[in-house]
Amino acid sequence: MAADAAEIVRLRTVMLGAMAGEPVPDGPWQELVGANLRRLLADPAGDFAAYVVAGADGVGLLACAVGVIDVRLGGPLDPSGRTGYVSNVVTEPGHRRRGLSRACLSALLEWFAGRGVTSVDLRATEDGAPLYRELGFRPVDHPGMRLRTGRR
């Protein structure tokens, strides 16, 4: 699976562009992301997974869903604190609306369930939200917030 890292990074660039509403430029960030991805994917027993759909005749990846398990302080609904986070669901533009992202995300959700994860978070684009709703995701009551520290 680590061999798919470059293609997953390429698809991530497509996804980030869709989220930003404009293409995301290639750059050194992709090499760092690829190196991190290869390291994470090299541990099949780890808390990181990627499910992909490959194109015919080795054309590359058409779709992927990537996720990680984060351990947080538990609560009454989930004392284990094991929370899933979906960080990358994307399909090549020319292959959308064929169930490829659904297949990848469904496999990822099964992977989470098999590891005892009972809560999974993600951020949705308008295009992706209907699929996520169909799979049972619901908006949360509290707003997401982020603090960026250091240099970019």
C-alpha atoms as a PDB file:
ATOM      1  CA  MET A   1       0.000   0.000   0.000  1.00  0.00           C
ATOM      2  CA  ALA A   2       2.916   2.370   0.618  1.00  0.00           C
ATOM      3  CA  ALA A   3       3.502   2.146  -3.133  1.00  0.00           C
ATOM      4  CA  ASP A   4       0.244   4.091  -3.590  1.00  0.00           C
ATOM      5  CA  ALA A   5       1.538   7.084  -1.612  1.00  0.00           C
ATOM      6  CA  ALA A   6       2.378   9.277  -4.627  1.00  0.00           C
ATOM      7  CA  GLU A   7      -1.055   8.668  -6.150  1.00  0.00           C
ATOM      8  CA  ILE A   8      -2.830   9.355  -2.853  1.00  0.00           C
ATOM      9  CA  VAL A   9      -0.925  12.645  -2.562  1.00  0.00           C
ATOM     10  CA  ARG A  10      -1.953  13.482  -6.148  1.00  0.00           C
ATOM     11  CA  LEU A  11      -5.597  12.781  -5.282  1.00  0.00           C
ATOM     12  CA  ARG A  12      -5.236  14.822  -2.080  1.00  0.00           C
ATOM     13  CA  THR A  13      -4.139  17.757  -4.235  1.00  0.00           C
ATOM     14  CA  VAL A  14      -7.337  17.323  -6.290  1.00  0.00           C
ATOM     15  CA  MET A  15      -9.427  17.223  -3.085  1.00  0.00           C
ATOM     16  CA  LEU A  16      -7.766  20.285  -1.565  1.00  0.00           C
ATOM     17  CA  GLY A  17      -8.380  22.186  -4.798  1.00  0.00           C
ATOM     18  CA  ALA A  18     -12.064  21.248  -4.702  1.00  0.00           C
ATOM     19  CA  MET A  19     -12.293  22.424  -1.103  1.00  0.00           C
ATOM     20  CA  ALA A  20     -10.491  25.707  -1.886  1.00  0.00           C
ATOM     21  CA  GLY A  21     -12.480  26.345  -5.057  1.00  0.00           C
ATOM     22  CA  GLU A  22      -9.277  26.695  -7.077  1.00  0.00           C
ATOM     23  CA  PRO A  23      -6.359  24.436  -8.023  1.00  0.00           C
ATOM     24  CA  VAL A  24      -3.748  23.863  -5.335  1.00  0.00           C
ATOM     25  CA  PRO A  25      -0.223  24.323  -6.687  1.00  0.00           C
ATOM     26  CA  ASP A  26       2.275  21.496  -6.626  1.00  0.00           C
ATOM     27  CA  GLY A  27       5.174  22.073  -4.279  1.00  0.00           C
ATOM     28  CA  PRO A  28       7.570  20.709  -1.678  1.00  0.00           C
ATOM     29  CA  TRP A  29       4.652  20.079   0.686  1.00  0.00           C
ATOM     30  CA  GLN A  30       3.738  17.049  -1.444  1.00  0.00           C
ATOM     31  CA  GLU A  31       7.104  15.370  -0.809  1.00  0.00           C
ATOM     32  CA  LEU A  32       6.692  15.740   2.955  1.00  0.00           C
ATOM     33  CA  VAL A  33       3.113  14.461   2.816  1.00  0.00           C
ATOM     34  CA  GLY A  34       4.248  11.518   0.669  1.00  0.00           C
ATOM     35  CA  ALA A  35       7.070  10.619   3.069  1.00  0.00           C
ATOM     36  CA  ASN A  36       4.690  10.743   6.043  1.00  0.00           C
ATOM     37  CA  LEU A  37       2.137   8.692   4.134  1.00  0.00           C
ATOM     38  CA  ARG A  38       4.665   5.983   3.185  1.00  0.00           C
ATOM     39  CA  ARG A  39       5.758   5.720   6.819  1.00  0.00           C
ATOM     40  CA  LEU A  40       2.181   5.463   8.101  1.00  0.00           C
ATOM     41  CA  LEU A  41       1.114   2.948   5.446  1.00  0.00           C
ATOM     42  CA  ALA A  42       4.158   0.742   6.101  1.00  0.00           C
ATOM     43  CA  ASP A  43       2.634  -0.344   9.444  1.00  0.00           C
ATOM     44  CA  PRO A  44      -0.404  -2.518   8.636  1.00  0.00           C
ATOM     45  CA  ALA A  45      -1.191  -2.920  12.348  1.00  0.00           C
ATOM     46  CA  GLY A  46      -1.105   0.841  12.924  1.00  0.00           C
ATOM     47  CA  ASP A  47      -3.933   3.295  13.402  1.00  0.00           C
ATOM     48  CA  PHE A  48      -3.820   4.684   9.860  1.00  0.00           C
ATOM     49  CA  ALA A  49      -5.477   3.276   6.738  1.00  0.00           C
ATOM     50  CA  ALA A  50      -6.122   4.130   3.107  1.00  0.00           C
ATOM     51  CA  TYR A  51      -8.599   2.394   0.807  1.00  0.00           C
ATOM     52  CA  VAL A  52      -8.225   2.965  -2.915  1.00  0.00           C
ATOM     53  CA  VAL A  53      -9.732   2.119  -6.288  1.00  0.00           C
ATOM     54  CA  ALA A  54      -7.122   1.630  -8.979  1.00  0.00           C
ATOM     55  CA  GLY A  55      -7.675   2.431 -12.630  1.00  0.00           C
ATOM     56  CA  ALA A  56      -7.584  -0.261 -15.281  1.00  0.00           C
ATOM     57  CA  ASP A  57      -4.222  -1.300 -16.718  1.00  0.00           C
ATOM     58  CA  GLY A  58      -2.212   0.475 -14.024  1.00  0.00           C
ATOM     59  CA  VAL A  59      -3.514   3.940 -14.971  1.00  0.00           C
ATOM     60  CA  GLY A  60      -3.236   5.115 -11.350  1.00  0.00           C
ATOM     61  CA  LEU A  61      -5.734   5.603  -8.572  1.00  0.00           C
ATOM     62  CA  LEU A  62      -9.245   6.770  -9.333  1.00  0.00           C
ATOM     63  CA  ALA A  63     -10.466   7.223  -5.758  1.00  0.00           C
ATOM     64  CA  CYS A  64      -9.383   6.947  -2.155  1.00  0.00           C
ATOM     65  CA  ALA A  65     -10.502   7.366   1.443  1.00  0.00           C
ATOM     66  CA  VAL A  66      -7.885   7.878   4.157  1.00  0.00           C
ATOM     67  CA  GLY A  67      -8.407   7.765   7.896  1.00  0.00           C
ATOM     68  CA  VAL A  68      -6.657   7.698  11.239  1.00  0.00           C
ATOM     69  CA  ILE A  69      -7.600   6.631  14.747  1.00  0.00           C
ATOM     70  CA  ASP A  70      -6.965   9.234  17.402  1.00  0.00           C
ATOM     71  CA  VAL A  71      -7.037   8.398  21.106  1.00  0.00           C
ATOM     72  CA  ARG A  72      -8.697  11.108  23.161  1.00  0.00           C
ATOM     73  CA  LEU A  73     -10.062  11.209  26.677  1.00  0.00           C
ATOM     74  CA  GLY A  74     -13.181   9.058  26.723  1.00  0.00           C
ATOM     75  CA  GLY A  75     -16.635   9.942  27.946  1.00  0.00           C
ATOM     76  CA  PRO A  76     -19.884   8.177  28.836  1.00  0.00           C
ATOM     77  CA  LEU A  77     -20.764   7.403  25.203  1.00  0.00           C
ATOM     78  CA  ASP A  78     -17.268   6.139  24.375  1.00  0.00           C
ATOM     79  CA  PRO A  79     -15.045   5.413  27.370  1.00  0.00           C
ATOM     80  CA  SER A  80     -12.213   4.158  25.119  1.00  0.00           C
ATOM     81  CA  GLY A  81     -11.752   7.590  23.544  1.00  0.00           C
ATOM     82  CA  ARG A  82     -10.848   5.959  20.207  1.00  0.00           C
ATOM     83  CA  THR A  83     -12.124   8.380  17.562  1.00  0.00           C
ATOM     84  CA  GLY A  84     -11.823   7.995  13.809  1.00  0.00           C
ATOM     85  CA  TYR A  85     -11.021  10.877  11.521  1.00  0.00           C
ATOM     86  CA  VAL A  86     -11.529  10.732   7.761  1.00  0.00           C
ATOM     87  CA  SER A  87      -9.011  13.064   6.191  1.00  0.00           C
ATOM     88  CA  ASN A  88      -9.213  12.400   2.496  1.00  0.00           C
ATOM     89  CA  VAL A  89     -12.142  11.228   0.361  1.00  0.00           C
ATOM     90  CA  VAL A  90     -11.739  12.013  -3.311  1.00  0.00           C
ATOM     91  CA  THR A  91     -12.494  10.655  -6.759  1.00  0.00           C
ATOM     92  CA  GLU A  92     -10.872  11.731 -10.017  1.00  0.00           C
ATOM     93  CA  PRO A  93     -13.246  14.282 -11.605  1.00  0.00           C
ATOM     94  CA  GLY A  94     -13.860  12.166 -14.714  1.00  0.00           C
ATOM     95  CA  HIS A  95     -14.884   9.132 -12.634  1.00  0.00           C
ATOM     96  CA  ARG A  96     -17.296  10.691 -10.124  1.00  0.00           C
ATOM     97  CA  ARG A  97     -20.862   9.525  -9.434  1.00  0.00           C
ATOM     98  CA  ARG A  98     -19.942   5.848  -9.977  1.00  0.00           C
ATOM     99  CA  GLY A  99     -19.759   4.750  -6.335  1.00  0.00           C
ATOM    100  CA  LEU A 100     -15.960   4.758  -6.086  1.00  0.00           C
ATOM    101  CA  SER A 101     -15.708   7.089  -3.071  1.00  0.00           C
ATOM    102  CA  ARG A 102     -18.620   5.249  -1.460  1.00  0.00           C
ATOM    103  CA  ALA A 103     -16.753   1.947  -1.805  1.00  0.00           C
ATOM    104  CA  CYS A 104     -13.544   3.403  -0.360  1.00  0.00           C
ATOM    105  CA  LEU A 105     -15.295   5.166   2.517  1.00  0.00           C
ATOM    106  CA  SER A 106     -17.456   2.119   3.324  1.00  0.00           C
ATOM    107  CA  ALA A 107     -14.304  -0.025   3.565  1.00  0.00           C
ATOM    108  CA  LEU A 108     -12.670   2.600   5.785  1.00  0.00           C
ATOM    109  CA  LEU A 109     -15.729   2.693   8.079  1.00  0.00           C
ATOM    110  CA  GLU A 110     -15.587  -1.112   8.382  1.00  0.00           C
ATOM    111  CA  TRP A 111     -11.895  -0.816   9.273  1.00  0.00           C
ATOM    112  CA  PHE A 112     -12.740   1.709  12.015  1.00  0.00           C
ATOM    113  CA  ALA A 113     -15.507  -0.544  13.382  1.00  0.00           C
ATOM    114  CA  GLY A 114     -13.150  -3.528  13.416  1.00  0.00           C
ATOM    115  CA  ARG A 115     -10.803  -1.535  15.634  1.00  0.00           C
ATOM    116  CA  GLY A 116     -13.464  -0.564  18.155  1.00  0.00           C
ATOM    117  CA  VAL A 117     -14.031   2.981  16.918  1.00  0.00           C
ATOM    118  CA  THR A 118     -17.595   4.133  17.592  1.00  0.00           C
ATOM    119  CA  SER A 119     -17.284   7.790  16.564  1.00  0.00           C
ATOM    120  CA  VAL A 120     -15.911   9.059  13.239  1.00  0.00           C
ATOM    121  CA  ASP A 121     -15.433  12.702  12.259  1.00  0.00           C
ATOM    122  CA  LEU A 122     -14.844  14.355   8.901  1.00  0.00           C
ATOM    123  CA  ARG A 123     -15.106  17.693   7.138  1.00  0.00           C
ATOM    124  CA  ALA A 124     -17.439  17.774   4.179  1.00  0.00           C
ATOM    125  CA  THR A 125     -17.670  19.720   0.961  1.00  0.00           C
ATOM    126  CA  GLU A 126     -21.117  20.474  -0.447  1.00  0.00           C
ATOM    127  CA  ASP A 127     -20.537  17.826  -3.118  1.00  0.00           C
ATOM    128  CA  GLY A 128     -19.575  15.160  -0.570  1.00  0.00           C
ATOM    129  CA  ALA A 129     -22.179  15.922   2.103  1.00  0.00           C
ATOM    130  CA  PRO A 130     -25.024  13.866   0.530  1.00  0.00           C
ATOM    131  CA  LEU A 131     -22.862  10.721   0.493  1.00  0.00           C
ATOM    132  CA  TYR A 132     -21.814  11.252   4.107  1.00  0.00           C
ATOM    133  CA  ARG A 133     -25.431  11.767   5.178  1.00  0.00           C
ATOM    134  CA  GLU A 134     -26.439   8.554   3.389  1.00  0.00           C
ATOM    135  CA  LEU A 135     -23.747   6.710   5.356  1.00  0.00           C
ATOM    136  CA  GLY A 136     -25.065   8.109   8.656  1.00  0.00           C
ATOM    137  CA  PHE A 137     -22.902  11.177   9.293  1.00  0.00           C
ATOM    138  CA  ARG A 138     -24.685  14.145  10.870  1.00  0.00           C
ATOM    139  CA  PRO A 139     -23.645  17.757  11.503  1.00  0.00           C
ATOM    140  CA  VAL A 140     -22.309  18.372  15.006  1.00  0.00           C
ATOM    141  CA  ASP A 141     -23.689  20.975  17.377  1.00  0.00           C
ATOM    142  CA  HIS A 142     -20.418  22.736  18.067  1.00  0.00           C
ATOM    143  CA  PRO A 143     -18.389  24.694  15.515  1.00  0.00           C
ATOM    144  CA  GLY A 144     -14.988  23.507  14.421  1.00  0.00           C
ATOM    145  CA  MET A 145     -12.108  25.807  15.198  1.00  0.00           C
ATOM    146  CA  ARG A 146      -8.393  25.759  14.402  1.00  0.00           C
ATOM    147  CA  LEU A 147      -5.299  27.573  15.579  1.00  0.00           C
ATOM    148  CA  ARG A 148      -2.264  27.631  13.291  1.00  0.00           C
ATOM    149  CA  THR A 149       1.024  27.933  15.116  1.00  0.00           C
ATOM    150  CA  GLY A 150       4.476  28.534  13.734  1.00  0.00           C
ATOM    151  CA  ARG A 151       5.395  29.240  10.145  1.00  0.00           C
ATOM    152  CA  ARG A 152       3.684  27.738   7.119  1.00  0.00           C
END
